[in-house]
Amino acid sequence: MGLLFVERLEGEGVFRCRRCRVDAASKDAIISRDFYGHSGRAYLFNHVVNISLGPNEDRLLVTGLHTVNDIYCSCCQQILGWRYEKAYEQTQKYKEGKYILERARMVKDG
């Protein structure tokens, strides 16, 4: 097994994996707080760190069909949310390349 490199985020308002407490995103990267995931409230971010991506998967979500990748914590492999790979409806294209982190799977410092 190789070395695990973990990126640390500076400042207040850092979201961390609930299981292992590794940094995942900064509050400054939040695009919207008006999302819901499998476990309740979720936030849309434009940048996250210390994650690995699962395979592409088509999912029918509330806002239509999307190709997404599940997001896993790079340290403990806990699922944290998903990344929008492709949106099929024009009004949803702004989500492409963005990340959903489920609030129930995160803790926030500051």
PDB file of N, CA and C in Angstrom:
ATOM      1  N   MET A   1       0.843  -1.182   0.000  1.00  0.00           N
ATOM      2  CA  MET A   1       0.000   0.000   0.000  1.00  0.00           C
ATOM      3  C   MET A   1       0.884   1.239   0.000  1.00  0.00           C
ATOM      4  N   GLY A   2       0.562   2.221  -0.811  1.00  0.00           N
ATOM      5  CA  GLY A   2       1.359   3.434  -0.938  1.00  0.00           C
ATOM      6  C   GLY A   2       1.029   4.460   0.123  1.00  0.00           C
ATOM      7  N   LEU A   3       1.720   5.571   0.061  1.00  0.00           N
ATOM      8  CA  LEU A   3       1.481   6.681   0.974  1.00  0.00           C
ATOM      9  C   LEU A   3       0.194   7.390   0.599  1.00  0.00           C
ATOM     10  N   LEU A   4      -0.513   7.877   1.608  1.00  0.00           N
ATOM     11  CA  LEU A   4      -1.737   8.626   1.395  1.00  0.00           C
ATOM     12  C   LEU A   4      -1.434  10.101   1.624  1.00  0.00           C
ATOM     13  N   PHE A   5      -1.622  10.917   0.608  1.00  0.00           N
ATOM     14  CA  PHE A   5      -1.405  12.349   0.724  1.00  0.00           C
ATOM     15  C   PHE A   5      -2.746  13.022   0.976  1.00  0.00           C
ATOM     16  N   VAL A   6      -2.813  13.793   2.051  1.00  0.00           N
ATOM     17  CA  VAL A   6      -4.047  14.445   2.454  1.00  0.00           C
ATOM     18  C   VAL A   6      -3.861  15.952   2.337  1.00  0.00           C
ATOM     19  N   GLU A   7      -4.791  16.599   1.661  1.00  0.00           N
ATOM     20  CA  GLU A   7      -4.757  18.054   1.530  1.00  0.00           C
ATOM     21  C   GLU A   7      -5.482  18.676   2.715  1.00  0.00           C
ATOM     22  N   ARG A   8      -4.855  19.649   3.365  1.00  0.00           N
ATOM     23  CA  ARG A   8      -5.447  20.354   4.499  1.00  0.00           C
ATOM     24  C   ARG A   8      -6.019  21.680   4.009  1.00  0.00           C
ATOM     25  N   LEU A   9      -7.191  22.035   4.496  1.00  0.00           N
ATOM     26  CA  LEU A   9      -7.818  23.301   4.145  1.00  0.00           C
ATOM     27  C   LEU A   9      -7.658  24.271   5.314  1.00  0.00           C
ATOM     28  N   GLU A  10      -7.349  25.511   4.993  1.00  0.00           N
ATOM     29  CA  GLU A  10      -7.128  26.540   6.009  1.00  0.00           C
ATOM     30  C   GLU A  10      -8.408  27.331   6.251  1.00  0.00           C
ATOM     31  N   GLY A  11      -8.478  27.962   7.414  1.00  0.00           N
ATOM     32  CA  GLY A  11      -9.581  28.859   7.727  1.00  0.00           C
ATOM     33  C   GLY A  11     -10.719  28.173   8.457  1.00  0.00           C
ATOM     34  N   GLU A  12     -11.744  28.954   8.727  1.00  0.00           N
ATOM     35  CA  GLU A  12     -12.928  28.449   9.410  1.00  0.00           C
ATOM     36  C   GLU A  12     -13.934  27.932   8.389  1.00  0.00           C
ATOM     37  N   GLY A  13     -14.851  27.109   8.871  1.00  0.00           N
ATOM     38  CA  GLY A  13     -15.890  26.605   7.992  1.00  0.00           C
ATOM     39  C   GLY A  13     -15.426  25.483   7.094  1.00  0.00           C
ATOM     40  N   VAL A  14     -14.615  24.572   7.628  1.00  0.00           N
ATOM     41  CA  VAL A  14     -14.146  23.422   6.853  1.00  0.00           C
ATOM     42  C   VAL A  14     -15.055  22.226   7.120  1.00  0.00           C
ATOM     43  N   PHE A  15     -15.550  21.633   6.057  1.00  0.00           N
ATOM     44  CA  PHE A  15     -16.358  20.423   6.166  1.00  0.00           C
ATOM     45  C   PHE A  15     -15.433  19.218   6.139  1.00  0.00           C
ATOM     46  N   ARG A  16     -15.651  18.291   7.070  1.00  0.00           N
ATOM     47  CA  ARG A  16     -14.805  17.104   7.192  1.00  0.00           C
ATOM     48  C   ARG A  16     -15.661  15.846   7.182  1.00  0.00           C
ATOM     49  N   CYS A  17     -15.037  14.740   6.780  1.00  0.00           N
ATOM     50  CA  CYS A  17     -15.690  13.437   6.817  1.00  0.00           C
ATOM     51  C   CYS A  17     -16.104  13.136   8.259  1.00  0.00           C
ATOM     52  N   ARG A  18     -17.334  12.743   8.462  1.00  0.00           N
ATOM     53  CA  ARG A  18     -17.829  12.452   9.811  1.00  0.00           C
ATOM     54  C   ARG A  18     -17.105  11.264  10.432  1.00  0.00           C
ATOM     55  N   ARG A  19     -16.703  10.299   9.626  1.00  0.00           N
ATOM     56  CA  ARG A  19     -16.090   9.082  10.154  1.00  0.00           C
ATOM     57  C   ARG A  19     -14.629   9.292  10.567  1.00  0.00           C
ATOM     58  N   CYS A  20     -13.809   9.894   9.688  1.00  0.00           N
ATOM     59  CA  CYS A  20     -12.363   9.977   9.981  1.00  0.00           C
ATOM     60  C   CYS A  20     -11.851  11.402  10.161  1.00  0.00           C
ATOM     61  N   ARG A  21     -12.704  12.391   9.939  1.00  0.00           N
ATOM     62  CA  ARG A  21     -12.387  13.804  10.158  1.00  0.00           C
ATOM     63  C   ARG A  21     -11.368  14.407   9.187  1.00  0.00           C
ATOM     64  N   VAL A  22     -11.176  13.800   8.039  1.00  0.00           N
ATOM     65  CA  VAL A  22     -10.285  14.396   7.041  1.00  0.00           C
ATOM     66  C   VAL A  22     -11.043  15.523   6.325  1.00  0.00           C
ATOM     67  N   ASP A  23     -10.321  16.602   5.974  1.00  0.00           N
ATOM     68  CA  ASP A  23     -10.919  17.744   5.278  1.00  0.00           C
ATOM     69  C   ASP A  23     -11.519  17.312   3.944  1.00  0.00           C
ATOM     70  N   ALA A  24     -12.685  17.905   3.626  1.00  0.00           N
ATOM     71  CA  ALA A  24     -13.329  17.592   2.352  1.00  0.00           C
ATOM     72  C   ALA A  24     -13.648  18.840   1.532  1.00  0.00           C
ATOM     73  N   ALA A  25     -14.078  19.922   2.194  1.00  0.00           N
ATOM     74  CA  ALA A  25     -14.448  21.128   1.446  1.00  0.00           C
ATOM     75  C   ALA A  25     -14.477  22.333   2.377  1.00  0.00           C
ATOM     76  N   SER A  26     -14.365  23.502   1.764  1.00  0.00           N
ATOM     77  CA  SER A  26     -14.441  24.756   2.491  1.00  0.00           C
ATOM     78  C   SER A  26     -15.813  25.380   2.277  1.00  0.00           C
ATOM     79  N   LYS A  27     -16.290  26.113   3.281  1.00  0.00           N
ATOM     80  CA  LYS A  27     -17.575  26.795   3.120  1.00  0.00           C
ATOM     81  C   LYS A  27     -17.527  27.798   1.971  1.00  0.00           C
ATOM     82  N   ASP A  28     -16.329  28.283   1.641  1.00  0.00           N
ATOM     83  CA  ASP A  28     -16.174  29.230   0.533  1.00  0.00           C
ATOM     84  C   ASP A  28     -16.446  28.590  -0.825  1.00  0.00           C
ATOM     85  N   ALA A  29     -16.444  27.263  -0.893  1.00  0.00           N
ATOM     86  CA  ALA A  29     -16.685  26.558  -2.157  1.00  0.00           C
ATOM     87  C   ALA A  29     -18.160  26.192  -2.350  1.00  0.00           C
ATOM     88  N   ILE A  30     -19.016  26.569  -1.405  1.00  0.00           N
ATOM     89  CA  ILE A  30     -20.450  26.248  -1.521  1.00  0.00           C
ATOM     90  C   ILE A  30     -21.091  27.107  -2.610  1.00  0.00           C
ATOM     91  N   ILE A  31     -21.800  26.434  -3.487  1.00  0.00           N
ATOM     92  CA  ILE A  31     -22.576  27.117  -4.526  1.00  0.00           C
ATOM     93  C   ILE A  31     -24.023  27.256  -4.072  1.00  0.00           C
ATOM     94  N   SER A  32     -24.560  26.194  -3.456  1.00  0.00           N
ATOM     95  CA  SER A  32     -25.949  26.189  -3.010  1.00  0.00           C
ATOM     96  C   SER A  32     -26.136  25.256  -1.820  1.00  0.00           C
ATOM     97  N   ARG A  33     -27.033  25.669  -0.909  1.00  0.00           N
ATOM     98  CA  ARG A  33     -27.408  24.845   0.235  1.00  0.00           C
ATOM     99  C   ARG A  33     -28.793  24.212   0.040  1.00  0.00           C
ATOM    100  N   ASP A  34     -29.357  24.352  -1.131  1.00  0.00           N
ATOM    101  CA  ASP A  34     -30.729  23.916  -1.416  1.00  0.00           C
ATOM    102  C   ASP A  34     -30.800  22.563  -2.107  1.00  0.00           C
ATOM    103  N   PHE A  35     -30.044  21.586  -1.635  1.00  0.00           N
ATOM    104  CA  PHE A  35     -30.030  20.259  -2.232  1.00  0.00           C
ATOM    105  C   PHE A  35     -30.343  19.207  -1.178  1.00  0.00           C
ATOM    106  N   TYR A  36     -30.789  18.050  -1.656  1.00  0.00           N
ATOM    107  CA  TYR A  36     -31.062  16.914  -0.776  1.00  0.00           C
ATOM    108  C   TYR A  36     -30.423  15.665  -1.350  1.00  0.00           C
ATOM    109  N   GLY A  37     -29.846  14.854  -0.457  1.00  0.00           N
ATOM    110  CA  GLY A  37     -29.233  13.594  -0.847  1.00  0.00           C
ATOM    111  C   GLY A  37     -30.002  12.433  -0.257  1.00  0.00           C
ATOM    112  N   HIS A  38     -29.395  11.270  -0.251  1.00  0.00           N
ATOM    113  CA  HIS A  38     -30.035  10.069   0.280  1.00  0.00           C
ATOM    114  C   HIS A  38     -30.334  10.198   1.764  1.00  0.00           C
ATOM    115  N   SER A  39     -29.502  10.934   2.491  1.00  0.00           N
ATOM    116  CA  SER A  39     -29.637  11.024   3.946  1.00  0.00           C
ATOM    117  C   SER A  39     -30.127  12.388   4.417  1.00  0.00           C
ATOM    118  N   GLY A  40     -30.715  13.177   3.522  1.00  0.00           N
ATOM    119  CA  GLY A  40     -31.246  14.481   3.930  1.00  0.00           C
ATOM    120  C   GLY A  40     -30.549  15.632   3.219  1.00  0.00           C
ATOM    121  N   ARG A  41     -30.398  16.740   3.944  1.00  0.00           N
ATOM    122  CA  ARG A  41     -29.827  17.961   3.354  1.00  0.00           C
ATOM    123  C   ARG A  41     -28.442  17.726   2.777  1.00  0.00           C
ATOM    124  N   ALA A  42     -28.163  18.453   1.705  1.00  0.00           N
ATOM    125  CA  ALA A  42     -26.864  18.350   1.024  1.00  0.00           C
ATOM    126  C   ALA A  42     -26.513  19.709   0.441  1.00  0.00           C
ATOM    127  N   TYR A  43     -25.222  19.921   0.218  1.00  0.00           N
ATOM    128  CA  TYR A  43     -24.739  21.173  -0.344  1.00  0.00           C
ATOM    129  C   TYR A  43     -24.041  20.903  -1.668  1.00  0.00           C
ATOM    130  N   LEU A  44     -24.163  21.863  -2.586  1.00  0.00           N
ATOM    131  CA  LEU A  44     -23.483  21.798  -3.877  1.00  0.00           C
ATOM    132  C   LEU A  44     -22.191  22.615  -3.773  1.00  0.00           C
ATOM    133  N   PHE A  45     -21.061  21.981  -4.088  1.00  0.00           N
ATOM    134  CA  PHE A  45     -19.744  22.614  -4.010  1.00  0.00           C
ATOM    135  C   PHE A  45     -19.107  22.666  -5.392  1.00  0.00           C
ATOM    136  N   ASN A  46     -18.250  23.671  -5.608  1.00  0.00           N
ATOM    137  CA  ASN A  46     -17.513  23.703  -6.874  1.00  0.00           C
ATOM    138  C   ASN A  46     -16.137  23.062  -6.751  1.00  0.00           C
ATOM    139  N   HIS A  47     -15.688  22.779  -5.505  1.00  0.00           N
ATOM    140  CA  HIS A  47     -14.376  22.158  -5.312  1.00  0.00           C
ATOM    141  C   HIS A  47     -14.372  21.364  -4.017  1.00  0.00           C
ATOM    142  N   VAL A  48     -13.878  20.138  -4.066  1.00  0.00           N
ATOM    143  CA  VAL A  48     -13.699  19.305  -2.874  1.00  0.00           C
ATOM    144  C   VAL A  48     -12.313  18.671  -2.931  1.00  0.00           C
ATOM    145  N   VAL A  49     -11.831  18.183  -1.782  1.00  0.00           N
ATOM    146  CA  VAL A  49     -10.505  17.570  -1.703  1.00  0.00           C
ATOM    147  C   VAL A  49     -10.605  16.229  -0.987  1.00  0.00           C
ATOM    148  N   ASN A  50      -9.558  15.443  -1.117  1.00  0.00           N
ATOM    149  CA  ASN A  50      -9.427  14.168  -0.406  1.00  0.00           C
ATOM    150  C   ASN A  50     -10.580  13.205  -0.683  1.00  0.00           C
ATOM    151  N   ILE A  51     -10.916  13.100  -1.954  1.00  0.00           N
ATOM    152  CA  ILE A  51     -11.998  12.184  -2.347  1.00  0.00           C
ATOM    153  C   ILE A  51     -11.501  11.274  -3.463  1.00  0.00           C
ATOM    154  N   SER A  52     -12.199  10.183  -3.647  1.00  0.00           N
ATOM    155  CA  SER A  52     -12.021   9.342  -4.825  1.00  0.00           C
ATOM    156  C   SER A  52     -13.390   9.170  -5.460  1.00  0.00           C
ATOM    157  N   LEU A  53     -13.385   8.928  -6.764  1.00  0.00           N
ATOM    158  CA  LEU A  53     -14.639   8.842  -7.515  1.00  0.00           C
ATOM    159  C   LEU A  53     -14.961   7.408  -7.873  1.00  0.00           C
ATOM    160  N   GLY A  54     -16.239   7.068  -7.792  1.00  0.00           N
ATOM    161  CA  GLY A  54     -16.718   5.786  -8.277  1.00  0.00           C
ATOM    162  C   GLY A  54     -16.961   5.869  -9.778  1.00  0.00           C
ATOM    163  N   PRO A  55     -17.450   4.785 -10.368  1.00  0.00           N
ATOM    164  CA  PRO A  55     -17.704   4.770 -11.818  1.00  0.00           C
ATOM    165  C   PRO A  55     -18.905   5.636 -12.206  1.00  0.00           C
ATOM    166  N   ASN A  56     -18.954   6.007 -13.483  1.00  0.00           N
ATOM    167  CA  ASN A  56     -20.119   6.733 -14.002  1.00  0.00           C
ATOM    168  C   ASN A  56     -21.366   5.879 -13.847  1.00  0.00           C
ATOM    169  N   GLU A  57     -22.458   6.539 -13.489  1.00  0.00           N
ATOM    170  CA  GLU A  57     -23.734   5.846 -13.303  1.00  0.00           C
ATOM    171  C   GLU A  57     -24.854   6.804 -13.648  1.00  0.00           C
ATOM    172  N   ASP A  58     -25.797   6.383 -14.475  1.00  0.00           N
ATOM    173  CA  ASP A  58     -26.971   7.201 -14.776  1.00  0.00           C
ATOM    174  C   ASP A  58     -27.978   7.067 -13.642  1.00  0.00           C
ATOM    175  N   ARG A  59     -28.446   8.218 -13.131  1.00  0.00           N
ATOM    176  CA  ARG A  59     -29.449   8.229 -12.061  1.00  0.00           C
ATOM    177  C   ARG A  59     -30.548   9.210 -12.402  1.00  0.00           C
ATOM    178  N   LEU A  60     -31.764   8.791 -12.133  1.00  0.00           N
ATOM    179  CA  LEU A  60     -32.907   9.678 -12.278  1.00  0.00           C
ATOM    180  C   LEU A  60     -33.112  10.371 -10.939  1.00  0.00           C
ATOM    181  N   LEU A  61     -32.744  11.635 -10.880  1.00  0.00           N
ATOM    182  CA  LEU A  61     -32.858  12.435  -9.664  1.00  0.00           C
ATOM    183  C   LEU A  61     -34.094  13.320  -9.761  1.00  0.00           C
ATOM    184  N   VAL A  62     -34.379  14.065  -8.722  1.00  0.00           N
ATOM    185  CA  VAL A  62     -35.561  14.936  -8.693  1.00  0.00           C
ATOM    186  C   VAL A  62     -35.568  15.891  -9.881  1.00  0.00           C
ATOM    187  N   THR A  63     -34.393  16.363 -10.280  1.00  0.00           N
ATOM    188  CA  THR A  63     -34.294  17.339 -11.369  1.00  0.00           C
ATOM    189  C   THR A  63     -34.049  16.718 -12.741  1.00  0.00           C
ATOM    190  N   GLY A  64     -34.193  15.395 -12.846  1.00  0.00           N
ATOM    191  CA  GLY A  64     -34.042  14.741 -14.143  1.00  0.00           C
ATOM    192  C   GLY A  64     -32.907  13.738 -14.169  1.00  0.00           C
ATOM    193  N   LEU A  65     -32.628  13.239 -15.368  1.00  0.00           N
ATOM    194  CA  LEU A  65     -31.588  12.234 -15.551  1.00  0.00           C
ATOM    195  C   LEU A  65     -30.212  12.889 -15.562  1.00  0.00           C
ATOM    196  N   HIS A  66     -29.286  12.312 -14.783  1.00  0.00           N
ATOM    197  CA  HIS A  66     -27.909  12.801 -14.697  1.00  0.00           C
ATOM    198  C   HIS A  66     -26.964  11.602 -14.718  1.00  0.00           C
ATOM    199  N   THR A  67     -25.764  11.799 -15.261  1.00  0.00           N
ATOM    200  CA  THR A  67     -24.680  10.841 -15.086  1.00  0.00           C
ATOM    201  C   THR A  67     -23.858  11.353 -13.919  1.00  0.00           C
ATOM    202  N   VAL A  68     -23.682  10.508 -12.899  1.00  0.00           N
ATOM    203  CA  VAL A  68     -22.993  10.916 -11.673  1.00  0.00           C
ATOM    204  C   VAL A  68     -21.936   9.886 -11.294  1.00  0.00           C
ATOM    205  N   ASN A  69     -21.020  10.306 -10.416  1.00  0.00           N
ATOM    206  CA  ASN A  69     -20.040   9.415  -9.798  1.00  0.00           C
ATOM    207  C   ASN A  69     -20.210   9.567  -8.292  1.00  0.00           C
ATOM    208  N   ASP A  70     -20.301   8.472  -7.570  1.00  0.00           N
ATOM    209  CA  ASP A  70     -20.292   8.577  -6.120  1.00  0.00           C
ATOM    210  C   ASP A  70     -18.940   9.107  -5.670  1.00  0.00           C
ATOM    211  N   ILE A  71     -18.935   9.862  -4.578  1.00  0.00           N
ATOM    212  CA  ILE A  71     -17.723  10.423  -3.992  1.00  0.00           C
ATOM    213  C   ILE A  71     -17.435   9.656  -2.709  1.00  0.00           C
ATOM    214  N   TYR A  72     -16.197   9.184  -2.566  1.00  0.00           N
ATOM    215  CA  TYR A  72     -15.767   8.460  -1.372  1.00  0.00           C
ATOM    216  C   TYR A  72     -14.646   9.230  -0.688  1.00  0.00           C
ATOM    217  N   CYS A  73     -14.618   9.208   0.633  1.00  0.00           N
ATOM    218  CA  CYS A  73     -13.507   9.772   1.385  1.00  0.00           C
ATOM    219  C   CYS A  73     -12.244   8.992   1.015  1.00  0.00           C
ATOM    220  N   SER A  74     -11.173   9.690   0.699  1.00  0.00           N
ATOM    221  CA  SER A  74      -9.947   9.013   0.279  1.00  0.00           C
ATOM    222  C   SER A  74      -9.251   8.305   1.440  1.00  0.00           C
ATOM    223  N   CYS A  75      -9.616   8.646   2.665  1.00  0.00           N
ATOM    224  CA  CYS A  75      -8.973   8.008   3.824  1.00  0.00           C
ATOM    225  C   CYS A  75      -9.734   6.779   4.329  1.00  0.00           C
ATOM    226  N   CYS A  76     -11.050   6.917   4.544  1.00  0.00           N
ATOM    227  CA  CYS A  76     -11.815   5.810   5.147  1.00  0.00           C
ATOM    228  C   CYS A  76     -12.804   5.152   4.190  1.00  0.00           C
ATOM    229  N   GLN A  77     -12.939   5.692   2.980  1.00  0.00           N
ATOM    230  CA  GLN A  77     -13.822   5.157   1.928  1.00  0.00           C
ATOM    231  C   GLN A  77     -15.320   5.295   2.236  1.00  0.00           C
ATOM    232  N   GLN A  78     -15.684   6.116   3.204  1.00  0.00           N
ATOM    233  CA  GLN A  78     -17.087   6.425   3.485  1.00  0.00           C
ATOM    234  C   GLN A  78     -17.651   7.191   2.292  1.00  0.00           C
ATOM    235  N   ILE A  79     -18.854   6.840   1.844  1.00  0.00           N
ATOM    236  CA  ILE A  79     -19.480   7.608   0.773  1.00  0.00           C
ATOM    237  C   ILE A  79     -19.906   8.961   1.335  1.00  0.00           C
ATOM    238  N   LEU A  80     -19.571  10.022   0.611  1.00  0.00           N
ATOM    239  CA  LEU A  80     -19.859  11.382   1.068  1.00  0.00           C
ATOM    240  C   LEU A  80     -20.932  12.072   0.241  1.00  0.00           C
ATOM    241  N   GLY A  81     -21.125  11.626  -0.983  1.00  0.00           N
ATOM    242  CA  GLY A  81     -22.081  12.264  -1.882  1.00  0.00           C
ATOM    243  C   GLY A  81     -21.827  11.813  -3.304  1.00  0.00           C
ATOM    244  N   TRP A  82     -21.931  12.741  -4.249  1.00  0.00           N
ATOM    245  CA  TRP A  82     -21.685  12.402  -5.649  1.00  0.00           C
ATOM    246  C   TRP A  82     -21.221  13.631  -6.425  1.00  0.00           C
ATOM    247  N   ARG A  83     -20.680  13.367  -7.613  1.00  0.00           N
ATOM    248  CA  ARG A  83     -20.266  14.419  -8.547  1.00  0.00           C
ATOM    249  C   ARG A  83     -21.130  14.316  -9.788  1.00  0.00           C
ATOM    250  N   TYR A  84     -21.582  15.448 -10.281  1.00  0.00           N
ATOM    251  CA  TYR A  84     -22.352  15.487 -11.520  1.00  0.00           C
ATOM    252  C   TYR A  84     -21.390  15.443 -12.703  1.00  0.00           C
ATOM    253  N   GLU A  85     -21.427  14.371 -13.437  1.00  0.00           N
ATOM    254  CA  GLU A  85     -20.615  14.233 -14.648  1.00  0.00           C
ATOM    255  C   GLU A  85     -21.320  14.884 -15.836  1.00  0.00           C
ATOM    256  N   LYS A  86     -22.625  14.590 -15.977  1.00  0.00           N
ATOM    257  CA  LYS A  86     -23.382  15.103 -17.119  1.00  0.00           C
ATOM    258  C   LYS A  86     -24.836  15.312 -16.718  1.00  0.00           C
ATOM    259  N   ALA A  87     -25.398  16.431 -17.174  1.00  0.00           N
ATOM    260  CA  ALA A  87     -26.820  16.712 -17.009  1.00  0.00           C
ATOM    261  C   ALA A  87     -27.451  16.668 -18.399  1.00  0.00           C
ATOM    262  N   TYR A  88     -28.572  15.991 -18.521  1.00  0.00           N
ATOM    263  CA  TYR A  88     -29.196  15.832 -19.829  1.00  0.00           C
ATOM    264  C   TYR A  88     -30.168  16.965 -20.167  1.00  0.00           C
ATOM    265  N   GLU A  89     -30.640  17.677 -19.150  1.00  0.00           N
ATOM    266  CA  GLU A  89     -31.541  18.806 -19.390  1.00  0.00           C
ATOM    267  C   GLU A  89     -30.738  20.099 -19.382  1.00  0.00           C
ATOM    268  N   GLN A  90     -31.025  20.967 -20.313  1.00  0.00           N
ATOM    269  CA  GLN A  90     -30.275  22.211 -20.480  1.00  0.00           C
ATOM    270  C   GLN A  90     -30.266  23.048 -19.204  1.00  0.00           C
ATOM    271  N   THR A  91     -31.367  23.093 -18.488  1.00  0.00           N
ATOM    272  CA  THR A  91     -31.451  23.919 -17.280  1.00  0.00           C
ATOM    273  C   THR A  91     -30.593  23.375 -16.130  1.00  0.00           C
ATOM    274  N   GLN A  92     -30.098  22.169 -16.253  1.00  0.00           N
ATOM    275  CA  GLN A  92     -29.301  21.541 -15.198  1.00  0.00           C
ATOM    276  C   GLN A  92     -27.806  21.484 -15.530  1.00  0.00           C
ATOM    277  N   LYS A  93     -27.408  22.018 -16.662  1.00  0.00           N
ATOM    278  CA  LYS A  93     -26.015  21.952 -17.111  1.00  0.00           C
ATOM    279  C   LYS A  93     -25.041  22.616 -16.129  1.00  0.00           C
ATOM    280  N   TYR A  94     -25.506  23.583 -15.355  1.00  0.00           N
ATOM    281  CA  TYR A  94     -24.627  24.278 -14.410  1.00  0.00           C
ATOM    282  C   TYR A  94     -24.053  23.335 -13.348  1.00  0.00           C
ATOM    283  N   LYS A  95     -24.654  22.170 -13.150  1.00  0.00           N
ATOM    284  CA  LYS A  95     -24.199  21.201 -12.148  1.00  0.00           C
ATOM    285  C   LYS A  95     -23.018  20.356 -12.630  1.00  0.00           C
ATOM    286  N   GLU A  96     -22.788  20.322 -13.921  1.00  0.00           N
ATOM    287  CA  GLU A  96     -21.728  19.459 -14.452  1.00  0.00           C
ATOM    288  C   GLU A  96     -20.379  19.806 -13.847  1.00  0.00           C
ATOM    289  N   GLY A  97     -19.685  18.794 -13.347  1.00  0.00           N
ATOM    290  CA  GLY A  97     -18.387  18.989 -12.722  1.00  0.00           C
ATOM    291  C   GLY A  97     -18.448  19.469 -11.284  1.00  0.00           C
ATOM    292  N   LYS A  98     -19.650  19.624 -10.739  1.00  0.00           N
ATOM    293  CA  LYS A  98     -19.828  20.083  -9.358  1.00  0.00           C
ATOM    294  C   LYS A  98     -20.083  18.881  -8.444  1.00  0.00           C
ATOM    295  N   TYR A  99     -19.996  19.117  -7.142  1.00  0.00           N
ATOM    296  CA  TYR A  99     -20.031  18.046  -6.152  1.00  0.00           C
ATOM    297  C   TYR A  99     -21.146  18.259  -5.135  1.00  0.00           C
ATOM    298  N   ILE A 100     -21.824  17.180  -4.781  1.00  0.00           N
ATOM    299  CA  ILE A 100     -22.795  17.179  -3.695  1.00  0.00           C
ATOM    300  C   ILE A 100     -22.165  16.468  -2.500  1.00  0.00           C
ATOM    301  N   LEU A 101     -22.154  17.148  -1.351  1.00  0.00           N
ATOM    302  CA  LEU A 101     -21.762  16.513  -0.096  1.00  0.00           C
ATOM    303  C   LEU A 101     -22.988  16.479   0.799  1.00  0.00           C
ATOM    304  N   GLU A 102     -23.300  15.289   1.293  1.00  0.00           N
ATOM    305  CA  GLU A 102     -24.462  15.129   2.165  1.00  0.00           C
ATOM    306  C   GLU A 102     -24.108  15.585   3.574  1.00  0.00           C
ATOM    307  N   ARG A 103     -24.919  16.468   4.120  1.00  0.00           N
ATOM    308  CA  ARG A 103     -24.651  17.078   5.429  1.00  0.00           C
ATOM    309  C   ARG A 103     -24.532  16.028   6.530  1.00  0.00           C
ATOM    310  N   ALA A 104     -25.310  14.959   6.490  1.00  0.00           N
ATOM    311  CA  ALA A 104     -25.293  13.925   7.531  1.00  0.00           C
ATOM    312  C   ALA A 104     -23.980  13.151   7.546  1.00  0.00           C
ATOM    313  N   ARG A 105     -23.219  13.212   6.465  1.00  0.00           N
ATOM    314  CA  ARG A 105     -21.954  12.474   6.381  1.00  0.00           C
ATOM    315  C   ARG A 105     -20.740  13.363   6.666  1.00  0.00           C
ATOM    316  N   MET A 106     -21.018  14.627   7.030  1.00  0.00           N
ATOM    317  CA  MET A 106     -19.964  15.604   7.257  1.00  0.00           C
ATOM    318  C   MET A 106     -20.089  16.215   8.647  1.00  0.00           C
ATOM    319  N   VAL A 107     -18.984  16.741   9.148  1.00  0.00           N
ATOM    320  CA  VAL A 107     -18.972  17.620  10.314  1.00  0.00           C
ATOM    321  C   VAL A 107     -18.328  18.923   9.853  1.00  0.00           C
ATOM    322  N   LYS A 108     -18.738  20.024  10.483  1.00  0.00           N
ATOM    323  CA  LYS A 108     -18.211  21.334  10.085  1.00  0.00           C
ATOM    324  C   LYS A 108     -17.498  21.961  11.271  1.00  0.00           C
ATOM    325  N   ASP A 109     -16.293  22.433  11.028  1.00  0.00           N
ATOM    326  CA  ASP A 109     -15.544  23.177  12.041  1.00  0.00           C
ATOM    327  C   ASP A 109     -15.722  24.660  11.798  1.00  0.00           C
ATOM    328  N   GLY A 110     -15.939  25.382  12.854  1.00  0.00           N
ATOM    329  CA  GLY A 110     -16.021  26.855  12.760  1.00  0.00           C
ATOM    330  C   GLY A 110     -17.300  27.400  12.306  1.00  0.00           C
TER     331      GLY A 110
END
